[in-house]
Amino acid sequence: MSTIQDIHALEQSIYDIVQDYINGDYNEDDVLAIDHRHGETTLTADIRETIKSRKGTEIYTLKELVRAGEHISLEPDGDKISEIANSWLFLK
């Protein structure tokens, strides 16, 4: 079972990757892969073809984790990010 600190740390890591995506550090079609093995959660953001998907790996499209913020600017979708973090740390 995970602690609330684990959840917040994973949320922040995902948030940072999505913010980098918004800032142009990733390609439009890049994805986020979350792999949980041996008690460690690993995040990878890259093009889908380069990510080694194993049993227990979930892939999320980065553009699906973005929403329109105030004044039509883009921002990480905190609700979706929180949902992902909670599902990974409580269920995995």
Protein backbone atom coordinates (compact mmCIF):
# COMPACT_ATOMS: atom_id res chain seq x y z
CA MET A 1 0.00 0.00 0.00
CA SER A 2 1.27 3.43 -0.87
CA THR A 3 1.41 6.55 1.24
CA ILE A 4 -0.10 9.91 0.39
CA GLN A 5 3.47 11.18 -0.14
CA ASP A 6 4.01 8.48 -2.78
CA ILE A 7 0.86 9.59 -4.58
CA HIS A 8 1.87 13.25 -4.49
CA ALA A 9 5.37 12.42 -5.74
CA LEU A 10 3.99 10.43 -8.69
CA GLU A 11 1.46 13.18 -9.47
CA GLN A 12 4.24 15.77 -9.48
CA SER A 13 6.44 13.62 -11.73
CA ILE A 14 3.62 13.16 -14.24
CA TYR A 15 2.71 16.86 -14.00
CA ASP A 16 6.32 17.86 -14.74
CA ILE A 17 6.46 15.60 -17.81
CA VAL A 18 3.16 16.99 -19.12
CA GLN A 19 4.37 20.56 -18.52
CA ASP A 20 7.54 19.77 -20.48
CA TYR A 21 5.31 18.40 -23.26
CA ILE A 22 3.33 21.67 -23.30
CA ASN A 23 6.61 23.62 -23.41
CA GLY A 24 7.62 21.70 -26.55
CA ASP A 25 10.16 19.30 -25.05
CA TYR A 26 8.34 16.31 -26.56
CA ASN A 27 6.78 15.55 -29.93
CA GLU A 28 3.03 15.90 -30.40
CA ASP A 29 2.43 12.13 -30.51
CA ASP A 30 4.70 11.15 -27.63
CA VAL A 31 3.29 9.01 -24.85
CA LEU A 32 3.84 8.50 -21.14
CA ALA A 33 4.54 4.93 -20.04
CA ILE A 34 4.25 3.88 -16.42
CA ASP A 35 5.86 0.60 -15.46
CA HIS A 36 5.64 -0.87 -11.98
CA ARG A 37 8.12 -3.65 -11.33
CA HIS A 38 9.94 -4.81 -8.25
CA GLY A 39 8.18 -2.20 -6.12
CA GLU A 40 9.45 0.71 -8.20
CA THR A 41 7.40 2.88 -10.52
CA THR A 42 9.18 4.06 -13.66
CA LEU A 43 7.98 6.88 -15.91
CA THR A 44 9.10 7.16 -19.53
CA ALA A 45 7.99 9.71 -22.10
CA ASP A 46 8.90 9.09 -25.72
CA ILE A 47 7.44 7.98 -29.02
CA ARG A 48 5.33 4.85 -28.65
CA GLU A 49 7.60 2.76 -30.86
CA THR A 50 10.63 3.13 -28.59
CA ILE A 51 8.85 2.21 -25.35
CA LYS A 52 9.22 -1.40 -24.34
CA SER A 53 5.76 -2.32 -23.20
CA ARG A 54 5.78 -5.22 -20.77
CA LYS A 55 3.05 -6.78 -18.72
CA GLY A 56 2.16 -4.17 -16.13
CA THR A 57 3.05 -1.21 -18.36
CA GLU A 58 0.32 1.34 -19.06
CA ILE A 59 0.67 3.90 -21.84
CA TYR A 60 -1.04 7.29 -21.84
CA THR A 61 -0.99 9.78 -24.72
CA LEU A 62 0.58 13.01 -23.43
CA LYS A 63 -1.86 15.20 -25.35
CA GLU A 64 -4.73 13.54 -23.45
CA LEU A 65 -3.23 14.83 -20.19
CA VAL A 66 -3.50 18.47 -21.30
CA ARG A 67 -6.48 20.80 -20.96
CA ALA A 68 -7.26 24.38 -21.91
CA GLY A 69 -6.58 26.71 -19.01
CA GLU A 70 -7.52 30.32 -18.52
CA HIS A 71 -7.17 32.57 -21.56
CA ILE A 72 -7.02 29.49 -23.83
CA SER A 73 -3.52 28.56 -22.64
CA LEU A 74 -2.68 24.90 -22.20
CA GLU A 75 -2.01 23.32 -18.80
CA PRO A 76 -1.57 19.84 -17.36
CA ASP A 77 -4.93 18.25 -16.53
CA GLY A 78 -4.59 17.84 -12.78
CA ASP A 79 -7.74 15.72 -12.48
CA LYS A 80 -6.56 13.14 -15.02
CA ILE A 81 -3.05 13.14 -13.58
CA SER A 82 -4.39 12.61 -10.06
CA GLU A 83 -6.64 9.78 -11.26
CA ILE A 84 -3.67 8.03 -12.90
CA ALA A 85 -1.41 8.45 -9.85
CA ASN A 86 -4.07 7.17 -7.46
CA SER A 87 -4.86 4.13 -9.58
CA TRP A 88 -1.20 3.22 -9.96
CA LEU A 89 -0.14 3.55 -6.38
CA PHE A 90 -3.18 1.97 -4.74
CA LEU A 91 -3.81 -0.84 -7.18
CA LYS A 92 -0.34 -1.78 -8.38
